[in-house]
Amino acid sequence: MEKQPKKDQEPKVAAKARTKRQKVDRPFPRVSLQESLIIGQKIKELNGGNPWTPQEIAKAVNIGFATNKFYYYTAASRDFGITEGSSKTDKISLTDFGRSLLYAPDPTTEQKKKNEAFLSIPIFKKVLDHYKGSTLPEMKYLRNTLENEFGLHPEVHEEFAGLFKENCKFLDIKSGNTSEIINDDSESPATIIVGESGKSSRKGLKAFVIMPFSERNDNRSKGFFNEVLTSLIIPAGIEAGFNVETANKQGTEIIQSTIINELIDADMVIADLTDHNPNVLFELGVRMALDKPVAIIKSQDTGRVFDVDNMLRVQEYNQNLWKSTVESDLPKLTEHFKATWENRKSDQTYLKILRKK
């Protein structure tokens, strides 16, 4: 008769199988930053930056909802600090940091935010600092350091090394420590070209944009105005034949001087009066006093300015910024910009109307 193991004993084969099945700790995302950004990007592009169900996001990124792959993508986006929630929660939403990255006002800010996301993973930061850059030693020596210095399980050494190199390549990190990578104090220009037109014979004309830099109305989610700029104003301005520029809010201390000079010199000014920002209204007054072309726009839920709306054409756009509303508003804004420029010599300007006797 076969001898049965005691209750408090476990067959060696079963014990080995159980040990093999034990979960290995991975203190890093299983998907690269570049790949995981698609979660936040789809929330921004297709759902106006609002919280979205994992099921809809899975459809948007074309990954099966119930798969491990989709969980890894959503978990990585969460671990990098871009979103809150995962495939196992009711909804996934952008974090404040995620919004600051996805709605970055310029390439320099966007790059810094991506670097911050990468370095928010402690093991990535520690290894980058240890090796003073992205160049890693041979795998047998790297293994020793990962295990002895950072306590990383041997089973995930190669996976970690691959993801580390992939992230560094995406971010163009080659050498240096984390403080140098995050705290790049090189000064950005006072104005930035946010869109260059390659259309028509009018190439070279400048449209300078004046609009709120930040959201001070509780009805506006963070990043709203940057989305208006990138999804509506820039493409409409380019389509109308202009190079589009705006002030860099993170640039020089003499930003007001820069804005005044741009208001004077730009071929056309695009003024967004949404929420009646006092700085924008002041800048609009400066431009109108010069009697130079200015195209005025605002969101549909912003009230009228009596002295402006009753005398000049103000083109409205839908504040929801859904994909469908953006597609509907873009041609209207384009025509508005074109018409403003083509009628620049008209006698029906604000100043000429008021000065008629």
Protein backbone atom coordinates (compact mmCIF):
# COMPACT_ATOMS: atom_id res chain seq x y z
CA MET A 1 0.00 0.00 0.00
CA GLU A 2 1.34 3.45 -1.01
CA LYS A 3 2.43 5.58 1.88
CA GLN A 4 0.49 8.84 2.16
CA PRO A 5 2.30 12.07 3.19
CA LYS A 6 1.52 13.45 6.58
CA LYS A 7 -0.90 16.36 6.73
CA ASP A 8 1.78 18.75 7.88
CA GLN A 9 4.10 17.69 5.07
CA GLU A 10 4.04 18.61 1.40
CA PRO A 11 5.42 16.54 -1.49
CA LYS A 12 8.69 17.99 -2.83
CA VAL A 13 7.29 18.40 -6.36
CA ALA A 14 4.26 20.33 -5.08
CA ALA A 15 6.47 22.50 -2.87
CA LYS A 16 8.70 23.39 -5.83
CA ALA A 17 5.69 24.21 -7.99
CA ARG A 18 4.25 26.41 -5.27
CA THR A 19 7.58 28.24 -4.88
CA LYS A 20 7.79 28.75 -8.63
CA ARG A 21 4.31 30.25 -8.69
CA GLN A 22 5.13 32.82 -6.01
CA LYS A 23 4.75 36.34 -7.30
CA VAL A 24 7.98 38.13 -8.10
CA ASP A 25 8.03 41.76 -7.01
CA ARG A 26 8.45 44.21 -9.89
CA PRO A 27 8.97 47.73 -8.51
CA PHE A 28 8.62 49.18 -12.02
CA PRO A 29 5.90 49.35 -14.71
CA ARG A 30 5.82 46.50 -17.21
CA VAL A 31 5.14 48.90 -20.08
CA SER A 32 7.36 51.79 -21.19
CA LEU A 33 6.42 55.43 -20.68
CA GLN A 34 6.04 55.94 -24.42
CA GLU A 35 3.57 53.07 -24.72
CA SER A 36 1.62 53.88 -21.57
CA LEU A 37 1.09 57.51 -22.64
CA ILE A 38 -1.55 56.27 -25.08
CA ILE A 39 -4.00 55.79 -22.19
CA GLY A 40 -3.93 59.47 -21.23
CA GLN A 41 -3.74 60.62 -24.84
CA LYS A 42 -6.94 58.79 -25.77
CA ILE A 43 -8.74 60.17 -22.71
CA LYS A 44 -7.66 63.64 -23.83
CA GLU A 45 -8.36 63.25 -27.55
CA LEU A 46 -11.58 61.23 -27.50
CA ASN A 47 -13.19 62.09 -24.17
CA GLY A 48 -12.25 65.73 -23.64
CA GLY A 49 -9.92 64.87 -20.76
CA ASN A 50 -12.82 63.60 -18.65
CA PRO A 51 -12.85 60.33 -16.63
CA TRP A 52 -13.60 57.38 -18.89
CA THR A 53 -14.51 53.74 -18.40
CA PRO A 54 -11.77 51.16 -18.97
CA GLN A 55 -14.00 49.39 -21.48
CA GLU A 56 -14.16 52.48 -23.72
CA ILE A 57 -10.44 53.14 -23.33
CA ALA A 58 -9.68 49.54 -24.32
CA LYS A 59 -11.66 50.08 -27.54
CA ALA A 60 -9.84 53.37 -28.17
CA VAL A 61 -6.38 51.81 -27.84
CA ASN A 62 -7.45 48.61 -29.63
CA ILE A 63 -6.44 46.24 -26.81
CA GLY A 64 -8.73 43.57 -25.37
CA PHE A 65 -10.37 44.80 -22.19
CA ALA A 66 -9.96 41.55 -20.24
CA THR A 67 -6.34 40.92 -21.30
CA ASN A 68 -3.23 41.18 -19.14
CA LYS A 69 -1.81 43.51 -21.75
CA PHE A 70 -4.50 46.13 -21.16
CA TYR A 71 -4.03 45.86 -17.40
CA TYR A 72 -0.27 46.41 -17.80
CA TYR A 73 -0.89 49.52 -19.93
CA THR A 74 -3.35 51.06 -17.49
CA ALA A 75 -1.22 50.11 -14.48
CA ALA A 76 1.87 51.65 -16.09
CA SER A 77 0.00 54.87 -16.85
CA ARG A 78 -1.06 54.95 -13.20
CA ASP A 79 2.45 54.17 -11.89
CA PHE A 80 4.00 56.93 -14.00
CA GLY A 81 1.51 59.33 -12.39
CA ILE A 82 -0.41 60.16 -15.57
CA THR A 83 -3.75 58.60 -14.65
CA GLU A 84 -5.69 57.31 -11.67
CA GLY A 85 -7.33 53.90 -11.79
CA SER A 86 -6.67 50.81 -13.89
CA SER A 87 -8.54 48.24 -15.95
CA LYS A 88 -10.00 46.93 -12.69
CA THR A 89 -11.62 50.22 -11.60
CA ASP A 90 -14.90 51.79 -12.71
CA LYS A 91 -13.21 54.75 -14.37
CA ILE A 92 -9.76 56.01 -15.29
CA SER A 93 -9.06 59.74 -14.96
CA LEU A 94 -6.16 62.09 -15.64
CA THR A 95 -4.17 63.25 -12.63
CA ASP A 96 -3.14 66.89 -12.25
CA PHE A 97 0.38 65.85 -13.25
CA GLY A 98 -0.98 63.94 -16.24
CA ARG A 99 -2.83 67.03 -17.40
CA SER A 100 0.30 69.17 -17.03
CA LEU A 101 2.11 66.71 -19.32
CA LEU A 102 -0.61 66.04 -21.89
CA TYR A 103 -1.63 69.71 -22.08
CA ALA A 104 1.92 71.10 -21.91
CA PRO A 105 2.13 74.62 -23.40
CA ASP A 106 5.41 74.00 -25.23
CA PRO A 107 7.86 71.19 -26.14
CA THR A 108 10.31 72.10 -23.36
CA THR A 109 7.69 71.74 -20.65
CA GLU A 110 6.40 68.52 -22.19
CA GLN A 111 9.89 67.00 -22.18
CA LYS A 112 10.49 67.97 -18.55
CA LYS A 113 7.19 66.40 -17.53
CA LYS A 114 8.05 63.17 -19.35
CA ASN A 115 11.40 63.08 -17.56
CA GLU A 116 9.63 63.60 -14.24
CA ALA A 117 7.23 60.74 -15.01
CA PHE A 118 10.13 58.39 -15.75
CA LEU A 119 12.06 59.41 -12.63
CA SER A 120 9.00 59.08 -10.41
CA ILE A 121 9.74 55.33 -10.46
CA PRO A 122 12.34 54.98 -7.65
CA ILE A 123 14.27 52.07 -9.19
CA PHE A 124 14.69 53.95 -12.49
CA LYS A 125 15.97 57.01 -10.64
CA LYS A 126 18.38 55.00 -8.47
CA VAL A 127 19.93 53.14 -11.41
CA LEU A 128 20.24 56.31 -13.48
CA ASP A 129 22.04 58.06 -10.63
CA HIS A 130 24.22 55.03 -9.89
CA TYR A 131 25.52 54.78 -13.46
CA LYS A 132 25.40 58.56 -14.14
CA GLY A 133 23.34 57.97 -17.25
CA SER A 134 21.69 55.32 -19.40
CA THR A 135 24.76 53.23 -20.24
CA LEU A 136 24.60 49.95 -18.31
CA PRO A 137 27.43 47.43 -17.84
CA GLU A 138 27.44 43.84 -19.09
CA MET A 139 24.50 41.86 -17.85
CA LYS A 140 26.48 39.69 -15.42
CA TYR A 141 27.81 42.80 -13.64
CA LEU A 142 24.48 44.59 -13.88
CA ARG A 143 22.82 41.61 -12.21
CA ASN A 144 25.16 41.89 -9.25
CA THR A 145 24.33 45.56 -8.74
CA LEU A 146 20.59 45.17 -9.26
CA GLU A 147 20.40 42.38 -6.71
CA ASN A 148 22.95 43.55 -4.11
CA GLU A 149 22.45 47.33 -4.31
CA PHE A 150 18.76 47.59 -5.15
CA GLY A 151 17.28 44.25 -4.05
CA LEU A 152 15.81 43.47 -7.45
CA HIS A 153 14.80 39.82 -7.94
CA PRO A 154 17.04 37.99 -10.46
CA GLU A 155 14.04 36.85 -12.53
CA VAL A 156 13.25 40.43 -13.58
CA HIS A 157 16.78 41.72 -14.24
CA GLU A 158 16.60 41.41 -18.02
CA GLU A 159 13.06 42.79 -18.16
CA PHE A 160 14.14 45.77 -16.07
CA ALA A 161 17.24 46.44 -18.19
CA GLY A 162 15.18 46.38 -21.39
CA LEU A 163 12.57 48.80 -20.06
CA PHE A 164 15.21 51.10 -18.58
CA LYS A 165 17.02 51.36 -21.92
CA GLU A 166 13.76 51.78 -23.84
CA ASN A 167 12.66 54.67 -21.62
CA CYS A 168 16.06 56.37 -21.78
CA LYS A 169 16.06 56.11 -25.57
CA PHE A 170 12.56 57.60 -25.78
CA LEU A 171 13.57 60.49 -23.50
CA ASP A 172 17.01 60.89 -25.13
CA ILE A 173 18.71 60.46 -21.75
CA LYS A 174 22.36 59.58 -22.25
CA SER A 175 24.38 60.92 -19.35
CA GLY A 176 23.96 63.01 -16.19
CA ASN A 177 22.17 62.67 -12.89
CA THR A 178 18.49 63.10 -12.13
CA SER A 179 18.77 66.65 -10.78
CA GLU A 180 20.36 67.80 -14.05
CA ILE A 181 17.68 66.07 -16.10
CA ILE A 182 14.74 67.53 -14.16
CA ASN A 183 16.14 70.97 -13.33
CA ASP A 184 17.21 72.15 -16.75
CA ASP A 185 17.29 75.92 -16.26
CA SER A 186 17.99 76.85 -19.85
CA GLU A 187 15.77 79.81 -20.63
CA SER A 188 13.00 79.35 -23.14
CA PRO A 189 12.17 82.06 -25.64
CA ALA A 190 9.64 84.73 -24.73
CA THR A 191 7.47 83.68 -27.63
CA ILE A 192 7.15 80.28 -29.17
CA ILE A 193 6.09 79.25 -32.64
CA VAL A 194 3.36 76.77 -31.91
CA GLY A 195 2.43 76.09 -35.50
CA GLU A 196 4.04 76.87 -38.85
CA SER A 197 2.01 77.13 -42.00
CA GLY A 198 3.19 75.52 -45.19
CA LYS A 199 0.09 76.62 -47.03
CA SER A 200 -0.47 79.24 -49.71
CA SER A 201 1.54 82.25 -50.78
CA ARG A 202 0.86 83.88 -47.42
CA LYS A 203 3.48 81.72 -45.73
CA GLY A 204 5.45 83.92 -43.37
CA LEU A 205 2.50 85.88 -42.02
CA LYS A 206 2.30 85.81 -38.24
CA ALA A 207 -0.82 85.36 -36.16
CA PHE A 208 -0.12 86.15 -32.51
CA VAL A 209 -2.51 84.55 -30.01
CA ILE A 210 -3.67 86.26 -26.82
CA MET A 211 -5.66 84.04 -24.47
CA PRO A 212 -5.75 82.96 -20.82
CA PHE A 213 -2.74 80.94 -19.68
CA SER A 214 -4.50 79.14 -16.84
CA GLU A 215 -7.97 78.08 -15.77
CA ARG A 216 -9.46 80.27 -13.00
CA ASN A 217 -13.06 79.29 -13.57
CA ASP A 218 -14.24 76.19 -11.69
CA ASN A 219 -16.08 75.11 -14.82
CA ARG A 220 -12.77 74.67 -16.69
CA SER A 221 -10.71 71.56 -16.19
CA LYS A 222 -6.96 71.99 -15.99
CA GLY A 223 -5.46 72.15 -19.48
CA PHE A 224 -8.62 73.52 -21.09
CA PHE A 225 -6.98 76.55 -22.71
CA ASN A 226 -3.99 74.61 -23.95
CA GLU A 227 -6.42 72.20 -25.58
CA VAL A 228 -8.21 75.13 -27.24
CA LEU A 229 -4.85 76.36 -28.49
CA THR A 230 -3.57 73.04 -29.83
CA SER A 231 -6.82 71.54 -31.13
CA LEU A 232 -8.59 74.63 -32.49
CA ILE A 233 -6.54 77.81 -32.81
CA ILE A 234 -3.28 76.35 -34.15
CA PRO A 235 -4.76 74.10 -36.87
CA ALA A 236 -7.30 76.76 -37.91
CA GLY A 237 -4.58 79.42 -38.06
CA ILE A 238 -2.31 77.18 -40.13
CA GLU A 239 -5.16 76.30 -42.47
CA ALA A 240 -5.83 80.02 -42.89
CA GLY A 241 -2.22 80.52 -43.98
CA PHE A 242 -0.50 81.85 -40.85
CA ASN A 243 2.41 80.92 -38.66
CA VAL A 244 0.87 80.85 -35.20
CA GLU A 245 2.76 82.20 -32.19
CA THR A 246 1.92 82.81 -28.56
CA ALA A 247 3.64 84.18 -25.47
CA ASN A 248 5.62 81.69 -23.40
CA LYS A 249 4.30 82.04 -19.87
CA GLN A 250 7.34 80.24 -18.47
CA GLY A 251 9.87 82.38 -20.29
CA THR A 252 11.52 85.69 -19.64
CA GLU A 253 10.71 88.21 -16.93
CA ILE A 254 10.04 90.88 -19.54
CA ILE A 255 7.11 88.93 -20.92
CA GLN A 256 4.78 91.97 -20.89
CA SER A 257 7.21 93.90 -23.07
CA THR A 258 7.30 90.96 -25.46
CA ILE A 259 3.52 90.80 -25.63
CA ILE A 260 3.17 94.51 -26.34
CA ASN A 261 5.70 94.32 -29.15
CA GLU A 262 3.94 91.30 -30.63
CA LEU A 263 0.60 93.13 -30.41
CA ILE A 264 2.14 95.97 -32.40
CA ASP A 265 4.07 93.96 -34.99
CA ALA A 266 2.00 90.81 -35.70
CA ASP A 267 0.16 90.67 -39.01
CA MET A 268 -2.95 89.48 -37.22
CA VAL A 269 -3.87 88.92 -33.58
CA ILE A 270 -6.20 86.13 -32.49
CA ALA A 271 -7.93 87.06 -29.22
CA ASP A 272 -9.78 84.45 -27.16
CA LEU A 273 -12.14 86.30 -24.81
CA THR A 274 -13.32 83.15 -23.01
CA ASP A 275 -14.10 83.89 -19.33
CA HIS A 276 -13.33 87.60 -19.90
CA ASN A 277 -9.74 87.35 -18.70
CA PRO A 278 -8.67 90.93 -17.76
CA ASN A 279 -5.18 90.58 -19.27
CA VAL A 280 -6.62 89.44 -22.58
CA LEU A 281 -9.16 92.29 -22.61
CA PHE A 282 -6.36 94.79 -21.93
CA GLU A 283 -4.22 93.31 -24.72
CA LEU A 284 -7.21 93.39 -27.06
CA GLY A 285 -7.66 97.08 -26.30
CA VAL A 286 -4.04 97.76 -27.21
CA ARG A 287 -4.40 95.98 -30.52
CA MET A 288 -7.72 97.63 -31.38
CA ALA A 289 -6.23 101.07 -30.66
CA LEU A 290 -3.68 100.34 -33.38
CA ASP A 291 -6.53 99.59 -35.81
CA LYS A 292 -4.82 96.42 -37.02
CA PRO A 293 -6.47 93.07 -37.87
CA VAL A 294 -7.73 91.13 -34.87
CA ALA A 295 -9.84 87.95 -35.02
CA ILE A 296 -11.96 87.57 -31.88
CA ILE A 297 -13.21 84.23 -30.60
CA LYS A 298 -14.74 82.87 -27.39
CA SER A 299 -16.44 79.78 -26.00
CA GLN A 300 -20.21 79.50 -26.37
CA ASP A 301 -20.75 79.58 -22.61
CA THR A 302 -18.92 82.90 -22.17
CA GLY A 303 -21.17 85.95 -21.91
CA ARG A 304 -21.09 88.82 -24.34
CA VAL A 305 -18.95 91.92 -23.98
CA PHE A 306 -21.32 94.73 -24.93
CA ASP A 307 -18.76 97.08 -26.51
CA VAL A 308 -17.23 94.27 -28.55
CA ASP A 309 -19.92 91.74 -29.46
CA ASN A 310 -22.37 94.40 -30.65
CA MET A 311 -19.90 95.97 -33.05
CA LEU A 312 -17.52 93.24 -34.19
CA ARG A 313 -17.87 89.66 -35.34
CA VAL A 314 -16.99 87.20 -32.57
CA GLN A 315 -16.70 83.56 -33.63
CA GLU A 316 -17.77 81.09 -30.94
CA TYR A 317 -16.57 77.53 -30.38
CA ASN A 318 -18.09 74.70 -28.36
CA GLN A 319 -16.47 74.57 -24.92
CA ASN A 320 -16.93 70.79 -24.60
CA LEU A 321 -14.03 70.15 -26.98
CA TRP A 322 -15.28 66.73 -28.00
CA LYS A 323 -13.76 65.26 -31.15
CA SER A 324 -17.04 65.92 -32.98
CA THR A 325 -17.34 69.54 -31.79
CA VAL A 326 -13.71 70.29 -32.65
CA GLU A 327 -14.22 68.92 -36.16
CA SER A 328 -17.31 71.12 -36.51
CA ASP A 329 -15.66 74.28 -35.17
CA LEU A 330 -12.34 74.07 -37.03
CA PRO A 331 -13.65 75.15 -40.47
CA LYS A 332 -15.64 78.00 -38.87
CA LEU A 333 -12.56 79.35 -37.12
CA THR A 334 -10.48 78.96 -40.28
CA GLU A 335 -12.95 81.00 -42.30
CA HIS A 336 -13.14 83.58 -39.52
CA PHE A 337 -9.36 84.02 -39.56
CA LYS A 338 -9.27 84.21 -43.36
CA ALA A 339 -12.09 86.75 -43.46
CA THR A 340 -10.45 88.92 -40.80
CA TRP A 341 -7.27 89.10 -42.84
CA GLU A 342 -8.96 89.61 -46.21
CA ASN A 343 -11.10 92.46 -44.80
CA ARG A 344 -8.20 94.17 -43.02
CA LYS A 345 -8.61 97.34 -45.10
CA SER A 346 -12.31 97.62 -44.44
CA ASP A 347 -13.82 100.80 -43.00
CA GLN A 348 -15.83 98.70 -40.53
CA THR A 349 -13.10 98.36 -37.93
CA TYR A 350 -13.89 99.17 -34.32
CA LEU A 351 -11.83 102.34 -34.26
CA LYS A 352 -13.06 103.66 -37.61
CA ILE A 353 -16.69 103.07 -36.68
CA LEU A 354 -16.35 105.03 -33.45
CA ARG A 355 -14.40 107.89 -35.01
CA LYS A 356 -16.92 108.52 -37.78
CA LYS A 357 -18.50 111.95 -37.57
